[in-house]
Amino acid sequence: MAYRAAKLAVIVLSALIILALIGLVVGGILKLSGRPVPVAGGGSGGAAFVLPRAAKILSSETQPGRLILHVRSAEGDEIDIVSTEDGHLIAQLKAPSSQP
């Protein structure tokens, strides 16, 4: 009986290894072909972030996969968090202009 369970475990684990190798090969082919590899939790419709007219970048920081910009424009200060993978806006915090 123990021999039968061990044999079943080897078959199941071998099948999982083969599936993982197939996934690796398919992912490599997609990456090398230039086609975008689908990512879980996709972003906004692919529109790239554009700064407001006459805006100035006061500071910038980076985190893995993110660019954080402190921007000042005629409308006020804002913090923009942009994806470094495709350039879309992830989040934006705005403070109204203190000038009348």
N, C-alpha and C. Protein backbone atom coordinates (compact mmCIF):
# COMPACT_ATOMS: atom_id res chain seq x y z
N MET A 1 0.82 -1.20 0.00
CA MET A 1 0.00 0.00 0.00
C MET A 1 0.86 1.26 0.00
N ALA A 2 1.95 1.25 0.79
CA ALA A 2 2.85 2.41 0.85
C ALA A 2 3.53 2.62 -0.50
N TYR A 3 3.82 1.52 -1.17
CA TYR A 3 4.45 1.61 -2.50
C TYR A 3 3.51 2.30 -3.49
N ARG A 4 2.22 1.98 -3.40
CA ARG A 4 1.23 2.56 -4.30
C ARG A 4 1.08 4.07 -4.05
N ALA A 5 1.07 4.50 -2.78
CA ALA A 5 0.97 5.93 -2.44
C ALA A 5 2.21 6.69 -2.91
N ALA A 6 3.38 6.08 -2.75
CA ALA A 6 4.61 6.74 -3.19
C ALA A 6 4.62 6.89 -4.70
N LYS A 7 4.16 5.85 -5.40
CA LYS A 7 4.09 5.90 -6.86
C LYS A 7 3.13 7.00 -7.33
N LEU A 8 1.98 7.12 -6.67
CA LEU A 8 1.01 8.16 -7.01
C LEU A 8 1.59 9.55 -6.76
N ALA A 9 2.31 9.72 -5.65
CA ALA A 9 2.92 11.01 -5.34
C ALA A 9 3.95 11.40 -6.40
N VAL A 10 4.73 10.44 -6.85
CA VAL A 10 5.74 10.71 -7.90
C VAL A 10 5.05 11.12 -9.20
N ILE A 11 3.97 10.47 -9.56
CA ILE A 11 3.25 10.79 -10.79
C ILE A 11 2.66 12.20 -10.71
N VAL A 12 2.02 12.54 -9.59
CA VAL A 12 1.40 13.86 -9.44
C VAL A 12 2.48 14.95 -9.46
N LEU A 13 3.55 14.75 -8.73
CA LEU A 13 4.61 15.77 -8.70
C LEU A 13 5.30 15.91 -10.06
N SER A 14 5.46 14.82 -10.78
CA SER A 14 6.04 14.88 -12.13
C SER A 14 5.13 15.68 -13.06
N ALA A 15 3.83 15.46 -12.96
CA ALA A 15 2.89 16.22 -13.79
C ALA A 15 2.95 17.71 -13.47
N LEU A 16 3.07 18.05 -12.20
CA LEU A 16 3.17 19.47 -11.82
C LEU A 16 4.46 20.10 -12.35
N ILE A 17 5.55 19.37 -12.31
CA ILE A 17 6.83 19.88 -12.85
C ILE A 17 6.71 20.10 -14.35
N ILE A 18 6.08 19.17 -15.05
CA ILE A 18 5.91 19.33 -16.50
C ILE A 18 5.04 20.54 -16.82
N LEU A 19 3.95 20.75 -16.07
CA LEU A 19 3.11 21.93 -16.28
C LEU A 19 3.87 23.22 -16.01
N ALA A 20 4.69 23.24 -14.99
CA ALA A 20 5.48 24.43 -14.68
C ALA A 20 6.48 24.72 -15.80
N LEU A 21 7.11 23.69 -16.34
CA LEU A 21 8.05 23.90 -17.45
C LEU A 21 7.35 24.40 -18.71
N ILE A 22 6.16 23.89 -18.97
CA ILE A 22 5.38 24.38 -20.12
C ILE A 22 5.04 25.85 -19.93
N GLY A 23 4.61 26.24 -18.73
CA GLY A 23 4.32 27.65 -18.45
C GLY A 23 5.54 28.53 -18.60
N LEU A 24 6.69 28.04 -18.18
CA LEU A 24 7.94 28.79 -18.32
C LEU A 24 8.29 29.00 -19.78
N VAL A 25 8.16 27.96 -20.59
CA VAL A 25 8.47 28.07 -22.02
C VAL A 25 7.50 29.03 -22.70
N VAL A 26 6.20 28.93 -22.41
CA VAL A 26 5.21 29.82 -23.03
C VAL A 26 5.48 31.27 -22.62
N GLY A 27 5.77 31.52 -21.33
CA GLY A 27 6.07 32.87 -20.88
C GLY A 27 7.32 33.43 -21.56
N GLY A 28 8.33 32.61 -21.72
CA GLY A 28 9.55 33.05 -22.41
C GLY A 28 9.30 33.38 -23.86
N ILE A 29 8.50 32.56 -24.53
CA ILE A 29 8.18 32.82 -25.94
C ILE A 29 7.39 34.13 -26.07
N LEU A 30 6.41 34.35 -25.19
CA LEU A 30 5.64 35.61 -25.24
C LEU A 30 6.53 36.81 -24.98
N LYS A 31 7.45 36.69 -24.03
CA LYS A 31 8.34 37.80 -23.70
C LYS A 31 9.27 38.11 -24.87
N LEU A 32 9.81 37.09 -25.51
CA LEU A 32 10.74 37.29 -26.62
C LEU A 32 10.04 37.74 -27.90
N SER A 33 8.76 37.43 -28.04
CA SER A 33 8.04 37.82 -29.25
C SER A 33 7.60 39.28 -29.22
N GLY A 34 7.75 39.93 -28.08
CA GLY A 34 7.39 41.34 -27.98
C GLY A 34 5.93 41.57 -27.62
N ARG A 35 5.16 40.52 -27.50
CA ARG A 35 3.77 40.67 -27.09
C ARG A 35 3.72 40.94 -25.60
N PRO A 36 2.82 41.79 -25.16
CA PRO A 36 2.74 42.07 -23.72
C PRO A 36 2.26 40.84 -22.96
N VAL A 37 2.94 40.55 -21.88
CA VAL A 37 2.56 39.44 -21.03
C VAL A 37 1.47 39.93 -20.10
N PRO A 38 0.30 39.26 -20.04
CA PRO A 38 -0.78 39.73 -19.17
C PRO A 38 -0.36 39.70 -17.71
N VAL A 39 -0.71 40.78 -16.99
CA VAL A 39 -0.36 40.90 -15.58
C VAL A 39 -1.65 40.94 -14.77
N ALA A 40 -1.67 40.23 -13.66
CA ALA A 40 -2.85 40.22 -12.81
C ALA A 40 -3.11 41.61 -12.25
N GLY A 41 -4.37 42.02 -12.15
CA GLY A 41 -4.73 43.32 -11.58
C GLY A 41 -4.39 44.46 -12.50
N GLY A 42 -4.57 44.30 -13.79
CA GLY A 42 -4.21 45.29 -14.80
C GLY A 42 -4.51 46.72 -14.42
N GLY A 43 -3.97 47.65 -15.16
CA GLY A 43 -4.12 49.06 -14.83
C GLY A 43 -5.24 49.72 -15.61
N SER A 44 -5.15 51.03 -15.69
CA SER A 44 -6.14 51.76 -16.46
C SER A 44 -5.92 51.49 -17.94
N GLY A 45 -6.83 51.86 -18.77
CA GLY A 45 -6.87 51.52 -20.18
C GLY A 45 -5.61 51.78 -20.97
N GLY A 46 -4.46 51.90 -20.37
CA GLY A 46 -3.21 52.06 -21.08
C GLY A 46 -2.87 53.50 -21.40
N ALA A 47 -3.65 54.47 -20.94
CA ALA A 47 -3.36 55.87 -21.21
C ALA A 47 -2.16 56.31 -20.37
N ALA A 48 -1.18 56.91 -21.02
CA ALA A 48 0.02 57.36 -20.33
C ALA A 48 -0.28 58.65 -19.56
N PHE A 49 0.42 58.85 -18.46
CA PHE A 49 0.25 60.03 -17.62
C PHE A 49 0.89 61.24 -18.30
N VAL A 50 0.21 62.38 -18.27
CA VAL A 50 0.73 63.63 -18.83
C VAL A 50 0.66 64.71 -17.76
N LEU A 51 1.75 65.45 -17.57
CA LEU A 51 1.76 66.54 -16.60
C LEU A 51 0.85 67.67 -17.04
N PRO A 52 0.26 68.42 -16.09
CA PRO A 52 -0.53 69.59 -16.46
C PRO A 52 0.35 70.64 -17.13
N ARG A 53 -0.27 71.50 -17.91
CA ARG A 53 0.45 72.55 -18.62
C ARG A 53 1.17 73.47 -17.62
N ALA A 54 2.39 73.84 -17.92
CA ALA A 54 3.24 74.74 -17.12
C ALA A 54 3.50 74.21 -15.71
N ALA A 55 3.45 72.90 -15.53
CA ALA A 55 3.71 72.31 -14.22
C ALA A 55 5.22 72.15 -14.02
N LYS A 56 5.63 72.22 -12.76
CA LYS A 56 7.04 72.03 -12.41
C LYS A 56 7.14 70.84 -11.46
N ILE A 57 8.10 69.98 -11.72
CA ILE A 57 8.36 68.86 -10.82
C ILE A 57 9.27 69.36 -9.72
N LEU A 58 8.78 69.36 -8.48
CA LEU A 58 9.56 69.83 -7.35
C LEU A 58 10.48 68.74 -6.81
N SER A 59 10.01 67.52 -6.79
CA SER A 59 10.84 66.40 -6.34
C SER A 59 10.31 65.11 -6.93
N SER A 60 11.15 64.11 -6.92
CA SER A 60 10.73 62.80 -7.39
C SER A 60 11.40 61.72 -6.55
N GLU A 61 10.70 60.61 -6.38
CA GLU A 61 11.20 59.45 -5.66
C GLU A 61 10.82 58.21 -6.46
N THR A 62 11.55 57.15 -6.22
CA THR A 62 11.20 55.89 -6.87
C THR A 62 11.01 54.79 -5.83
N GLN A 63 10.13 53.89 -6.15
CA GLN A 63 9.92 52.66 -5.40
C GLN A 63 9.78 51.58 -6.46
N PRO A 64 9.90 50.33 -6.09
CA PRO A 64 9.79 49.28 -7.10
C PRO A 64 8.50 49.39 -7.91
N GLY A 65 8.63 49.65 -9.21
CA GLY A 65 7.47 49.75 -10.10
C GLY A 65 6.72 51.05 -10.02
N ARG A 66 7.20 52.03 -9.26
CA ARG A 66 6.49 53.29 -9.07
C ARG A 66 7.43 54.49 -9.18
N LEU A 67 6.91 55.59 -9.73
CA LEU A 67 7.59 56.88 -9.73
C LEU A 67 6.66 57.85 -9.02
N ILE A 68 7.17 58.50 -7.98
CA ILE A 68 6.37 59.42 -7.17
C ILE A 68 6.86 60.84 -7.44
N LEU A 69 5.95 61.69 -7.94
CA LEU A 69 6.31 63.06 -8.33
C LEU A 69 5.57 64.07 -7.47
N HIS A 70 6.28 65.07 -6.96
CA HIS A 70 5.66 66.23 -6.30
C HIS A 70 5.65 67.33 -7.35
N VAL A 71 4.45 67.72 -7.79
CA VAL A 71 4.29 68.65 -8.92
C VAL A 71 3.57 69.90 -8.45
N ARG A 72 4.01 71.06 -8.93
CA ARG A 72 3.33 72.33 -8.67
C ARG A 72 2.87 72.92 -10.00
N SER A 73 1.58 73.27 -10.05
CA SER A 73 1.02 73.90 -11.25
C SER A 73 0.13 75.07 -10.81
N ALA A 74 -0.50 75.73 -11.77
CA ALA A 74 -1.38 76.86 -11.46
C ALA A 74 -2.58 76.40 -10.63
N GLU A 75 -2.96 75.14 -10.73
CA GLU A 75 -4.10 74.62 -9.97
C GLU A 75 -3.73 74.25 -8.55
N GLY A 76 -2.44 74.20 -8.22
CA GLY A 76 -1.99 73.84 -6.87
C GLY A 76 -0.96 72.73 -6.91
N ASP A 77 -0.59 72.25 -5.74
CA ASP A 77 0.38 71.16 -5.63
C ASP A 77 -0.34 69.82 -5.73
N GLU A 78 0.39 68.84 -6.22
CA GLU A 78 -0.17 67.49 -6.28
C GLU A 78 0.95 66.47 -6.18
N ILE A 79 0.60 65.29 -5.71
CA ILE A 79 1.50 64.14 -5.67
C ILE A 79 0.95 63.14 -6.67
N ASP A 80 1.76 62.75 -7.64
CA ASP A 80 1.35 61.79 -8.65
C ASP A 80 2.17 60.52 -8.50
N ILE A 81 1.51 59.39 -8.48
CA ILE A 81 2.18 58.09 -8.43
C ILE A 81 1.94 57.42 -9.78
N VAL A 82 3.04 57.18 -10.50
CA VAL A 82 2.97 56.69 -11.87
C VAL A 82 3.64 55.32 -11.95
N SER A 83 3.07 54.42 -12.73
CA SER A 83 3.67 53.10 -12.96
C SER A 83 4.87 53.24 -13.89
N THR A 84 5.98 52.61 -13.51
CA THR A 84 7.16 52.65 -14.38
C THR A 84 7.07 51.61 -15.49
N GLU A 85 6.12 50.70 -15.41
CA GLU A 85 5.99 49.66 -16.43
C GLU A 85 5.31 50.18 -17.69
N ASP A 86 4.20 50.93 -17.52
CA ASP A 86 3.48 51.40 -18.70
C ASP A 86 3.14 52.88 -18.67
N GLY A 87 3.53 53.59 -17.62
CA GLY A 87 3.35 55.04 -17.57
C GLY A 87 1.97 55.51 -17.18
N HIS A 88 1.08 54.64 -16.73
CA HIS A 88 -0.26 55.11 -16.36
C HIS A 88 -0.28 55.62 -14.92
N LEU A 89 -1.20 56.52 -14.66
CA LEU A 89 -1.36 57.13 -13.34
C LEU A 89 -2.02 56.13 -12.40
N ILE A 90 -1.35 55.85 -11.27
CA ILE A 90 -1.89 54.91 -10.29
C ILE A 90 -2.72 55.67 -9.26
N ALA A 91 -2.18 56.78 -8.75
CA ALA A 91 -2.90 57.57 -7.75
C ALA A 91 -2.48 59.02 -7.87
N GLN A 92 -3.36 59.91 -7.41
CA GLN A 92 -3.07 61.35 -7.46
C GLN A 92 -3.69 62.02 -6.23
N LEU A 93 -2.88 62.80 -5.54
CA LEU A 93 -3.34 63.57 -4.38
C LEU A 93 -3.19 65.04 -4.74
N LYS A 94 -4.27 65.80 -4.65
CA LYS A 94 -4.24 67.21 -5.04
C LYS A 94 -4.51 68.11 -3.84
N ALA A 95 -3.78 69.21 -3.75
CA ALA A 95 -4.03 70.27 -2.79
C ALA A 95 -4.39 71.52 -3.58
N PRO A 96 -5.49 72.18 -3.24
CA PRO A 96 -5.88 73.37 -4.00
C PRO A 96 -4.86 74.49 -3.86
N SER A 97 -4.83 75.35 -4.86
CA SER A 97 -3.91 76.49 -4.86
C SER A 97 -4.28 77.44 -3.74
N SER A 98 -3.27 77.94 -3.02
CA SER A 98 -3.52 78.88 -1.95
C SER A 98 -3.59 80.31 -2.44
N GLN A 99 -3.32 80.51 -3.76
CA GLN A 99 -3.37 81.85 -4.32
C GLN A 99 -4.79 82.15 -4.78
N PRO A 100 -5.27 83.40 -4.57
CA PRO A 100 -6.63 83.75 -4.99
C PRO A 100 -6.77 83.85 -6.48
